C-alpha atoms as a PDB file:
ATOM      1  CA  MET A   1      19.909  24.711 -16.586  1.00  0.00           C
ATOM      2  CA  PRO A   2      16.743  24.127 -14.436  1.00  0.00           C
ATOM      3  CA  SER A   3      17.080  22.540 -11.059  1.00  0.00           C
ATOM      4  CA  PRO A   4      16.044  18.918 -10.860  1.00  0.00           C
ATOM      5  CA  LEU A   5      12.619  18.307  -9.317  1.00  0.00           C
ATOM      6  CA  SER A   6      11.886  16.084  -6.391  1.00  0.00           C
ATOM      7  CA  PRO A   7       8.672  14.534  -5.230  1.00  0.00           C
ATOM      8  CA  THR A   8       9.601  15.000  -1.447  1.00  0.00           C
ATOM      9  CA  MET A   9      12.364  16.391   0.567  1.00  0.00           C
ATOM     10  CA  ALA A  10      14.083  16.049   3.966  1.00  0.00           C
ATOM     11  CA  GLY A  11      12.647  18.283   6.545  1.00  0.00           C
ATOM     12  CA  GLY A  12      15.972  19.799   7.799  1.00  0.00           C
ATOM     13  CA  LEU A  13      17.255  20.598   4.308  1.00  0.00           C
ATOM     14  CA  PHE A  14      14.874  22.831   2.606  1.00  0.00           C
ATOM     15  CA  ALA A  15      14.354  26.577   2.109  1.00  0.00           C
ATOM     16  CA  VAL A  16      11.169  28.448   1.294  1.00  0.00           C
ATOM     17  CA  SER A  17      10.309  32.216   1.201  1.00  0.00           C
ATOM     18  CA  LYS A  18       8.342  33.337   4.207  1.00  0.00           C
ATOM     19  CA  LYS A  19       5.591  34.719   2.099  1.00  0.00           C
ATOM     20  CA  TYR A  20       4.985  31.492   0.157  1.00  0.00           C
ATOM     21  CA  PHE A  21       5.234  29.453   3.347  1.00  0.00           C
ATOM     22  CA  GLU A  22       2.578  31.458   4.904  1.00  0.00           C
ATOM     23  CA  TYR A  23       0.433  31.348   1.757  1.00  0.00           C
ATOM     24  CA  LEU A  24       0.542  27.593   1.853  1.00  0.00           C
ATOM     25  CA  GLY A  25      -0.447  27.474   5.456  1.00  0.00           C
ATOM     26  CA  SER A  26       2.839  27.186   7.163  1.00  0.00           C
ATOM     27  CA  TYR A  27       3.342  24.080   9.289  1.00  0.00           C
ATOM     28  CA  ASP A  28       0.412  21.917  10.393  1.00  0.00           C
ATOM     29  CA  THR A  29       0.201  23.069  14.078  1.00  0.00           C
ATOM     30  CA  GLY A  30      -1.570  19.790  14.870  1.00  0.00           C
ATOM     31  CA  MET A  31       1.756  18.001  14.357  1.00  0.00           C
ATOM     32  CA  GLU A  32       3.966  17.612  17.490  1.00  0.00           C
ATOM     33  CA  VAL A  33       7.752  17.299  18.038  1.00  0.00           C
ATOM     34  CA  TRP A  34       8.988  16.173  14.608  1.00  0.00           C
ATOM     35  CA  GLY A  35       8.576  13.494  11.881  1.00  0.00           C
ATOM     36  CA  GLY A  36       6.185  13.384   8.945  1.00  0.00           C
ATOM     37  CA  GLU A  37       6.048  17.187   8.474  1.00  0.00           C
ATOM     38  CA  ASN A  38       8.425  16.995   5.506  1.00  0.00           C
ATOM     39  CA  LEU A  39       6.160  14.618   3.617  1.00  0.00           C
ATOM     40  CA  GLU A  40       3.036  16.667   4.434  1.00  0.00           C
ATOM     41  CA  PHE A  41       4.644  19.841   3.257  1.00  0.00           C
ATOM     42  CA  SER A  42       5.951  18.097   0.102  1.00  0.00           C
ATOM     43  CA  PHE A  43       2.542  16.841  -0.894  1.00  0.00           C
ATOM     44  CA  ARG A  44       1.060  20.258  -0.170  1.00  0.00           C
ATOM     45  CA  ILE A  45       3.609  22.122  -2.292  1.00  0.00           C
ATOM     46  CA  TRP A  46       3.009  19.905  -5.323  1.00  0.00           C
ATOM     47  CA  GLN A  47      -0.681  19.543  -4.968  1.00  0.00           C
ATOM     48  CA  CYS A  48      -1.365  23.195  -4.383  1.00  0.00           C
ATOM     49  CA  GLY A  49       0.500  24.391  -7.437  1.00  0.00           C
ATOM     50  CA  GLY A  50       4.191  24.723  -6.365  1.00  0.00           C
ATOM     51  CA  THR A  51       7.311  22.806  -7.292  1.00  0.00           C
ATOM     52  CA  LEU A  52       9.965  21.242  -5.141  1.00  0.00           C
ATOM     53  CA  GLU A  53      13.477  21.697  -6.548  1.00  0.00           C
ATOM     54  CA  THR A  54      16.846  20.175  -5.685  1.00  0.00           C
ATOM     55  CA  HIS A  55      19.905  22.445  -5.761  1.00  0.00           C
ATOM     56  CA  PRO A  56      22.898  20.012  -5.874  1.00  0.00           C
ATOM     57  CA  CYS A  57      25.548  22.718  -5.132  1.00  0.00           C
ATOM     58  CA  SER A  58      23.852  24.100  -2.046  1.00  0.00           C
ATOM     59  CA  HIS A  59      25.334  23.519   1.312  1.00  0.00           C
ATOM     60  CA  VAL A  60      23.222  23.052   4.548  1.00  0.00           C
ATOM     61  CA  GLY A  61      24.341  22.776   8.096  1.00  0.00           C
ATOM     62  CA  HIS A  62      22.195  20.693  10.500  1.00  0.00           C
ATOM     63  CA  VAL A  63      23.004  20.848  14.156  1.00  0.00           C
ATOM     64  CA  PHE A  64      21.824  18.057  16.385  1.00  0.00           C
ATOM     65  CA  PRO A  65      21.787  18.373  20.222  1.00  0.00           C
ATOM     66  CA  LYS A  66      23.683  15.793  22.255  1.00  0.00           C
ATOM     67  CA  GLN A  67      20.371  14.896  23.865  1.00  0.00           C
ATOM     68  CA  ALA A  68      16.980  15.406  22.333  1.00  0.00           C
ATOM     69  CA  PRO A  69      14.968  18.123  24.189  1.00  0.00           C
ATOM     70  CA  TYR A  70      11.755  15.990  24.005  1.00  0.00           C
ATOM     71  CA  SER A  71      10.814  12.622  25.402  1.00  0.00           C
ATOM     72  CA  ARG A  72       8.773  11.220  22.618  1.00  0.00           C
ATOM     73  CA  ASN A  73       8.601  10.901  18.825  1.00  0.00           C
ATOM     74  CA  LYS A  74       5.177  11.811  17.225  1.00  0.00           C
ATOM     75  CA  ALA A  75       6.237  10.775  13.659  1.00  0.00           C
ATOM     76  CA  LEU A  76       3.471   8.218  13.479  1.00  0.00           C
ATOM     77  CA  ALA A  77       0.644  10.500  14.485  1.00  0.00           C
ATOM     78  CA  ASN A  78       2.153  13.287  12.220  1.00  0.00           C
ATOM     79  CA  SER A  79       2.271  10.935   9.226  1.00  0.00           C
ATOM     80  CA  VAL A  80      -1.373   9.769   9.839  1.00  0.00           C
ATOM     81  CA  ARG A  81      -2.400  13.432   9.704  1.00  0.00           C
ATOM     82  CA  ALA A  82      -0.558  13.817   6.454  1.00  0.00           C
ATOM     83  CA  ALA A  83      -2.238  10.796   4.969  1.00  0.00           C
ATOM     84  CA  GLU A  84      -5.711  11.809   6.211  1.00  0.00           C
ATOM     85  CA  VAL A  85      -5.487  15.253   4.635  1.00  0.00           C
ATOM     86  CA  TRP A  86      -3.543  14.700   1.420  1.00  0.00           C
ATOM     87  CA  MET A  87      -3.619  11.076   0.289  1.00  0.00           C
ATOM     88  CA  ASP A  88      -7.279  10.529  -0.332  1.00  0.00           C
ATOM     89  CA  GLU A  89      -8.187   6.824  -1.001  1.00  0.00           C
ATOM     90  CA  PHE A  90      -4.404   6.051  -1.288  1.00  0.00           C
ATOM     91  CA  LYS A  91      -4.088   6.391   2.482  1.00  0.00           C
ATOM     92  CA  GLU A  92      -5.398   2.766   2.608  1.00  0.00           C
ATOM     93  CA  LEU A  93      -2.110   1.596   1.103  1.00  0.00           C
ATOM     94  CA  TYR A  94      -0.239   3.326   3.972  1.00  0.00           C
ATOM     95  CA  TYR A  95      -2.576   1.721   6.614  1.00  0.00           C
ATOM     96  CA  HIS A  96      -2.188  -1.737   5.038  1.00  0.00           C
ATOM     97  CA  ARG A  97       1.591  -1.527   5.585  1.00  0.00           C
ATOM     98  CA  ASN A  98       1.288   0.169   8.990  1.00  0.00           C
ATOM     99  CA  PRO A  99      -1.737  -1.411  10.599  1.00  0.00           C
ATOM    100  CA  HIS A 100      -0.983   0.119  13.995  1.00  0.00           C
ATOM    101  CA  ALA A 101      -1.214   3.645  12.336  1.00  0.00           C
ATOM    102  CA  ARG A 102      -4.918   3.070  11.807  1.00  0.00           C
ATOM    103  CA  LEU A 103      -5.312   3.104  15.627  1.00  0.00           C
ATOM    104  CA  GLU A 104      -3.152   6.112  16.217  1.00  0.00           C
ATOM    105  CA  PRO A 105      -4.932   9.237  17.591  1.00  0.00           C
ATOM    106  CA  PHE A 106      -4.093  12.097  15.104  1.00  0.00           C
ATOM    107  CA  GLY A 107      -6.364  14.978  16.351  1.00  0.00           C
ATOM    108  CA  ASP A 108      -8.687  17.168  14.342  1.00  0.00           C
ATOM    109  CA  VAL A 109      -7.698  17.874  10.706  1.00  0.00           C
ATOM    110  CA  THR A 110     -10.835  19.847   9.764  1.00  0.00           C
ATOM    111  CA  GLU A 111      -8.892  23.143   9.518  1.00  0.00           C
ATOM    112  CA  ARG A 112      -6.186  21.428   7.243  1.00  0.00           C
ATOM    113  CA  LYS A 113      -8.841  20.067   4.861  1.00  0.00           C
ATOM    114  CA  GLN A 114     -10.444  23.583   4.729  1.00  0.00           C
ATOM    115  CA  LEU A 115      -7.056  24.919   3.727  1.00  0.00           C
ATOM    116  CA  ARG A 116      -6.798  22.287   0.961  1.00  0.00           C
ATOM    117  CA  ALA A 117     -10.181  23.323  -0.402  1.00  0.00           C
ATOM    118  CA  LYS A 118      -9.292  27.001  -0.112  1.00  0.00           C
ATOM    119  CA  LEU A 119      -6.090  26.597  -2.083  1.00  0.00           C
ATOM    120  CA  GLN A 120      -7.947  24.352  -4.657  1.00  0.00           C
ATOM    121  CA  CYS A 121      -5.334  21.762  -4.389  1.00  0.00           C
ATOM    122  CA  LYS A 122      -5.149  18.745  -6.683  1.00  0.00           C
ATOM    123  CA  ASP A 123      -5.842  15.191  -5.544  1.00  0.00           C
ATOM    124  CA  PHE A 124      -3.158  12.605  -4.638  1.00  0.00           C
ATOM    125  CA  ARG A 125      -3.774  10.647  -7.813  1.00  0.00           C
ATOM    126  CA  TRP A 126      -2.620  13.684  -9.800  1.00  0.00           C
ATOM    127  CA  PHE A 127       0.483  13.802  -7.615  1.00  0.00           C
ATOM    128  CA  LEU A 128       1.211  10.083  -8.426  1.00  0.00           C
ATOM    129  CA  GLU A 129       0.515  10.414 -12.134  1.00  0.00           C
ATOM    130  CA  ASN A 130       2.301  13.753 -12.703  1.00  0.00           C
ATOM    131  CA  VAL A 131       5.038  14.180 -10.043  1.00  0.00           C
ATOM    132  CA  TYR A 132       6.071  10.594  -9.290  1.00  0.00           C
ATOM    133  CA  PRO A 133       4.955   8.576 -12.318  1.00  0.00           C
ATOM    134  CA  GLU A 134       7.811   6.110 -11.993  1.00  0.00           C
ATOM    135  CA  LEU A 135       6.596   4.967  -8.509  1.00  0.00           C
ATOM    136  CA  HIS A 136       4.822   1.594  -8.541  1.00  0.00           C
ATOM    137  CA  VAL A 137       1.479   2.066  -7.046  1.00  0.00           C
ATOM    138  CA  PRO A 138       0.614  -1.119  -5.124  1.00  0.00           C
ATOM    139  CA  GLU A 139      -2.542  -3.098  -6.320  1.00  0.00           C
ATOM    140  CA  ASP A 140      -3.388  -4.425  -2.939  1.00  0.00           C
ATOM    141  CA  ARG A 141      -6.022  -6.844  -4.345  1.00  0.00           C
ATOM    142  CA  PRO A 142      -8.178  -8.340  -1.539  1.00  0.00           C
ATOM    143  CA  GLY A 143      -6.760 -11.667  -0.546  1.00  0.00           C
ATOM    144  CA  PHE A 144      -3.368 -11.008  -2.143  1.00  0.00           C
ATOM    145  CA  PHE A 145      -1.547  -8.724   0.293  1.00  0.00           C
ATOM    146  CA  GLY A 146      -0.444  -8.805   4.065  1.00  0.00           C
ATOM    147  CA  MET A 147       1.266 -11.636   5.852  1.00  0.00           C
ATOM    148  CA  LEU A 148       2.172 -14.600   3.679  1.00  0.00           C
ATOM    149  CA  GLN A 149       1.429 -17.464   6.088  1.00  0.00           C
ATOM    150  CA  ASN A 150       2.255 -21.199   5.837  1.00  0.00           C
ATOM    151  CA  LYS A 151      -0.535 -23.650   6.482  1.00  0.00           C
ATOM    152  CA  GLY A 152       1.626 -26.354   7.798  1.00  0.00           C
ATOM    153  CA  LEU A 153       3.503 -24.260  10.299  1.00  0.00           C
ATOM    154  CA  ARG A 154       0.503 -22.008  10.943  1.00  0.00           C
ATOM    155  CA  ASP A 155       2.179 -19.296  13.058  1.00  0.00           C
ATOM    156  CA  TYR A 156       5.051 -18.678  10.612  1.00  0.00           C
ATOM    157  CA  CYS A 157       5.070 -16.037   7.905  1.00  0.00           C
ATOM    158  CA  PHE A 158       7.473 -14.769   5.294  1.00  0.00           C
ATOM    159  CA  ASP A 159       9.828 -12.223   6.830  1.00  0.00           C
ATOM    160  CA  TYR A 160      12.586 -10.093   5.538  1.00  0.00           C
ATOM    161  CA  ASN A 161      14.891  -8.138   7.716  1.00  0.00           C
ATOM    162  CA  PRO A 162      18.133  -7.184   5.918  1.00  0.00           C
ATOM    163  CA  PRO A 163      21.035  -6.125   8.286  1.00  0.00           C
ATOM    164  CA  ASN A 164      21.284  -2.815   6.441  1.00  0.00           C
ATOM    165  CA  GLU A 165      18.236  -0.751   5.507  1.00  0.00           C
ATOM    166  CA  ASN A 166      20.338   0.909   2.773  1.00  0.00           C
ATOM    167  CA  GLN A 167      21.176  -2.464   1.221  1.00  0.00           C
ATOM    168  CA  ILE A 168      17.830  -4.010   0.797  1.00  0.00           C
ATOM    169  CA  VAL A 169      18.473  -6.647  -1.866  1.00  0.00           C
ATOM    170  CA  GLY A 170      20.660  -9.730  -1.965  1.00  0.00           C
ATOM    171  CA  HIS A 171      19.590 -11.277   1.279  1.00  0.00           C
ATOM    172  CA  GLN A 172      17.635 -14.495   1.941  1.00  0.00           C
ATOM    173  CA  VAL A 173      13.897 -14.495   2.817  1.00  0.00           C
ATOM    174  CA  LEU A 174      13.072 -16.046   6.184  1.00  0.00           C
ATOM    175  CA  LEU A 175      10.072 -17.398   8.050  1.00  0.00           C
ATOM    176  CA  TYR A 176       9.367 -15.932  11.395  1.00  0.00           C
ATOM    177  CA  HIS A 177       6.486 -15.962  13.890  1.00  0.00           C
ATOM    178  CA  CYS A 178       3.616 -13.914  12.479  1.00  0.00           C
ATOM    179  CA  HIS A 179       3.456 -10.550  14.318  1.00  0.00           C
ATOM    180  CA  GLY A 180       0.641  -8.692  12.522  1.00  0.00           C
ATOM    181  CA  MET A 181       2.428  -5.331  12.505  1.00  0.00           C
ATOM    182  CA  GLY A 182       3.111  -5.048   8.771  1.00  0.00           C
ATOM    183  CA  GLN A 183       6.569  -3.672   7.789  1.00  0.00           C
ATOM    184  CA  ASN A 184       8.990  -6.571   7.379  1.00  0.00           C
ATOM    185  CA  GLN A 185       6.201  -9.147   7.102  1.00  0.00           C
ATOM    186  CA  PHE A 186       4.136  -7.250   4.506  1.00  0.00           C
ATOM    187  CA  PHE A 187       4.140  -8.679   0.984  1.00  0.00           C
ATOM    188  CA  GLU A 188       1.971  -8.074  -2.057  1.00  0.00           C
ATOM    189  CA  TYR A 189       1.220 -10.561  -4.699  1.00  0.00           C
ATOM    190  CA  THR A 190       0.694  -8.687  -8.024  1.00  0.00           C
ATOM    191  CA  SER A 191      -1.257  -9.438 -11.215  1.00  0.00           C
ATOM    192  CA  ARG A 192       2.173  -9.961 -12.809  1.00  0.00           C
ATOM    193  CA  ASN A 193       2.888 -12.851 -10.452  1.00  0.00           C
ATOM    194  CA  GLU A 194       5.432 -10.965  -8.422  1.00  0.00           C
ATOM    195  CA  ILE A 195       5.775 -11.172  -4.604  1.00  0.00           C
ATOM    196  CA  ARG A 196       6.768  -7.623  -3.830  1.00  0.00           C
ATOM    197  CA  TYR A 197       8.166  -6.328  -0.681  1.00  0.00           C
ATOM    198  CA  ASN A 198       7.132  -2.657  -1.002  1.00  0.00           C
ATOM    199  CA  THR A 199       7.254  -1.105   2.431  1.00  0.00           C
ATOM    200  CA  HIS A 200      10.548   0.421   1.466  1.00  0.00           C
ATOM    201  CA  GLN A 201      12.164   2.124  -1.549  1.00  0.00           C
ATOM    202  CA  PRO A 202      13.451   0.979  -3.842  1.00  0.00           C
ATOM    203  CA  GLU A 203      10.932  -1.916  -4.177  1.00  0.00           C
ATOM    204  CA  ALA A 204      12.250  -5.490  -3.937  1.00  0.00           C
ATOM    205  CA  CYS A 205      10.827  -8.686  -5.385  1.00  0.00           C
ATOM    206  CA  ILE A 206      11.284 -12.313  -4.229  1.00  0.00           C
ATOM    207  CA  ALA A 207      13.493 -14.189  -6.780  1.00  0.00           C
ATOM    208  CA  VAL A 208      15.446 -17.336  -7.217  1.00  0.00           C
ATOM    209  CA  ASP A 209      18.826 -17.419  -8.793  1.00  0.00           C
ATOM    210  CA  ALA A 210      19.512 -20.118 -11.345  1.00  0.00           C
ATOM    211  CA  GLY A 211      20.415 -23.476  -9.887  1.00  0.00           C
ATOM    212  CA  MET A 212      19.462 -22.331  -6.317  1.00  0.00           C
ATOM    213  CA  ASP A 213      16.684 -23.295  -4.165  1.00  0.00           C
ATOM    214  CA  ILE A 214      16.624 -20.391  -1.633  1.00  0.00           C
ATOM    215  CA  LEU A 215      14.525 -17.290  -1.983  1.00  0.00           C
ATOM    216  CA  ILE A 216      16.274 -13.943  -2.072  1.00  0.00           C
ATOM    217  CA  MET A 217      15.348 -10.363  -2.681  1.00  0.00           C
ATOM    218  CA  GLN A 218      16.122  -8.517  -5.969  1.00  0.00           C
ATOM    219  CA  LEU A 219      15.158  -5.197  -7.266  1.00  0.00           C
ATOM    220  CA  CYS A 220      11.783  -5.367  -9.028  1.00  0.00           C
ATOM    221  CA  GLN A 221      11.885  -4.765 -12.775  1.00  0.00           C
ATOM    222  CA  GLU A 222       9.531  -2.901 -15.198  1.00  0.00           C
ATOM    223  CA  THR A 223       8.953  -6.218 -16.813  1.00  0.00           C
ATOM    224  CA  ALA A 224       9.056  -9.121 -14.266  1.00  0.00           C
ATOM    225  CA  PRO A 225      11.820 -11.541 -15.170  1.00  0.00           C
ATOM    226  CA  GLU A 226      11.039 -15.310 -15.074  1.00  0.00           C
ATOM    227  CA  ASN A 227      12.953 -15.836 -11.874  1.00  0.00           C
ATOM    228  CA  GLN A 228      10.798 -13.447 -10.013  1.00  0.00           C
ATOM    229  CA  LYS A 229       7.458 -15.008 -11.044  1.00  0.00           C
ATOM    230  CA  PHE A 230       5.468 -17.311  -8.778  1.00  0.00           C
ATOM    231  CA  ILE A 231       1.994 -18.714  -9.352  1.00  0.00           C
ATOM    232  CA  LEU A 232      -0.221 -18.811  -6.298  1.00  0.00           C
ATOM    233  CA  ARG A 233      -2.385 -21.737  -7.173  1.00  0.00           C
ATOM    234  CA  GLU A 234      -6.005 -22.306  -5.947  1.00  0.00           C
ATOM    235  CA  ASP A 235      -4.871 -25.029  -3.570  1.00  0.00           C
ATOM    236  CA  GLY A 236      -2.443 -22.563  -1.904  1.00  0.00           C
ATOM    237  CA  SER A 237       0.762 -23.864  -3.420  1.00  0.00           C
ATOM    238  CA  LEU A 238       3.280 -21.280  -4.619  1.00  0.00           C
ATOM    239  CA  PHE A 239       4.709 -22.540  -7.863  1.00  0.00           C
ATOM    240  CA  HIS A 240       7.916 -21.193  -9.323  1.00  0.00           C
ATOM    241  CA  ALA A 241       7.450 -21.974 -12.982  1.00  0.00           C
ATOM    242  CA  GLN A 242      11.111 -21.373 -14.138  1.00  0.00           C
ATOM    243  CA  SER A 243      12.395 -24.058 -11.875  1.00  0.00           C
ATOM    244  CA  ASN A 244       9.176 -26.166 -11.908  1.00  0.00           C
ATOM    245  CA  LYS A 245       9.319 -26.260  -8.035  1.00  0.00           C
ATOM    246  CA  CYS A 246       7.036 -25.176  -5.194  1.00  0.00           C
ATOM    247  CA  VAL A 247       7.950 -23.090  -2.136  1.00  0.00           C
ATOM    248  CA  GLN A 248       8.115 -25.242   0.970  1.00  0.00           C
ATOM    249  CA  ALA A 249       8.577 -24.299   4.601  1.00  0.00           C
ATOM    250  CA  GLU A 250      11.520 -26.158   6.095  1.00  0.00           C
ATOM    251  CA  LYS A 251      13.631 -26.130   9.191  1.00  0.00           C
ATOM    252  CA  LYS A 252      17.040 -24.646   8.593  1.00  0.00           C
ATOM    253  CA  ALA A 253      19.983 -26.959   9.083  1.00  0.00           C
ATOM    254  CA  PHE A 254      21.702 -26.825  12.363  1.00  0.00           C
ATOM    255  CA  SER A 255      19.169 -24.199  13.512  1.00  0.00           C
ATOM    256  CA  ASP A 256      15.716 -23.865  15.165  1.00  0.00           C
ATOM    257  CA  SER A 257      14.576 -21.391  12.551  1.00  0.00           C
ATOM    258  CA  PHE A 258      12.582 -22.015   9.437  1.00  0.00           C
ATOM    259  CA  ILE A 259      13.225 -21.037   5.801  1.00  0.00           C
ATOM    260  CA  PRO A 260      11.255 -21.121   2.572  1.00  0.00           C
ATOM    261  CA  PHE A 261      12.940 -23.431   0.047  1.00  0.00           C
ATOM    262  CA  LEU A 262      12.057 -24.572  -3.494  1.00  0.00           C
ATOM    263  CA  ARG A 263      11.277 -28.213  -3.525  1.00  0.00           C
ATOM    264  CA  LEU A 264       9.596 -30.754  -5.828  1.00  0.00           C
ATOM    265  CA  CYS A 265       5.814 -30.109  -5.675  1.00  0.00           C
ATOM    266  CA  THR A 266       3.800 -32.393  -3.349  1.00  0.00           C
ATOM    267  CA  ASN A 267       0.505 -32.010  -1.593  1.00  0.00           C
ATOM    268  CA  SER A 268       2.232 -31.212   1.720  1.00  0.00           C
ATOM    269  CA  GLU A 269       0.658 -28.578   3.947  1.00  0.00           C
ATOM    270  CA  HIS A 270       4.116 -27.084   4.199  1.00  0.00           C
ATOM    271  CA  GLN A 271       3.825 -26.117   0.548  1.00  0.00           C
ATOM    272  CA  LYS A 272       0.484 -24.329   1.104  1.00  0.00           C
ATOM    273  CA  TRP A 273       0.378 -20.618   1.664  1.00  0.00           C
ATOM    274  CA  PHE A 274      -2.208 -17.899   2.113  1.00  0.00           C
ATOM    275  CA  PHE A 275      -2.233 -14.110   2.634  1.00  0.00           C
ATOM    276  CA  LYS A 276      -3.703 -12.747   5.813  1.00  0.00           C
ATOM    277  CA  GLU A 277      -4.251  -9.042   6.448  1.00  0.00           C
ATOM    278  CA  HIS A 278      -2.678  -7.639   9.430  1.00  0.00           C
ATOM    279  CA  MET A 279      -4.555  -6.374  12.585  1.00  0.00           C
END
């Protein structure tokens, strides 16, 4: 029985023959410390003619020191190098969700691009279409991604910060001061009328449970269910057709925080929203 294939792998849990490792160009020596090298090598394996296999019955020991022997984490700069060399135009999707990454110094990648040309590697679109076709590729249409900001409150944006990163769905969407850093304040409005939170996997979509007026996160579906559909009208109102109500920014009871609720549609500025790209 063939081993299952995987689009990417964890850096501390893989094995490769020395000969093949050297043929592929070993590690990118422009990367420092740790972080991002696993994605870079995963992309390189697939795009340059290899396969990445998972062996469920294997056992791997990973030893961590009590204290890290380094003082800084270079994962951001390393990830930017991977995006610049291997992701082609799709690197913009990464930068939209991590705007600070666009400003990160990442060194010279000329040699790595020459390696890619020498090995006659495929482009990143091929990777998405053939290795990971089930992945939703964001549309990121101009004017429909970034911070979802309220006109009435001005400095408040949709925010989602679940207490557990491994349990991304089921929690309420909040409003918080717009910080311009992407991540938990990055949302995408799709042509299927979904408001997607796609900075994590699996992707989540804003939804409203029947009979409720609060906005929560649910897993996105292949065909968007009615409770996950919102119409962003020309006047900025965010209309939830299933409930026939609009999303309104309100102060949470017994609190100084603000929450988006469903309310009967009015012309209030607190029911007007717009997307604003991050820094």
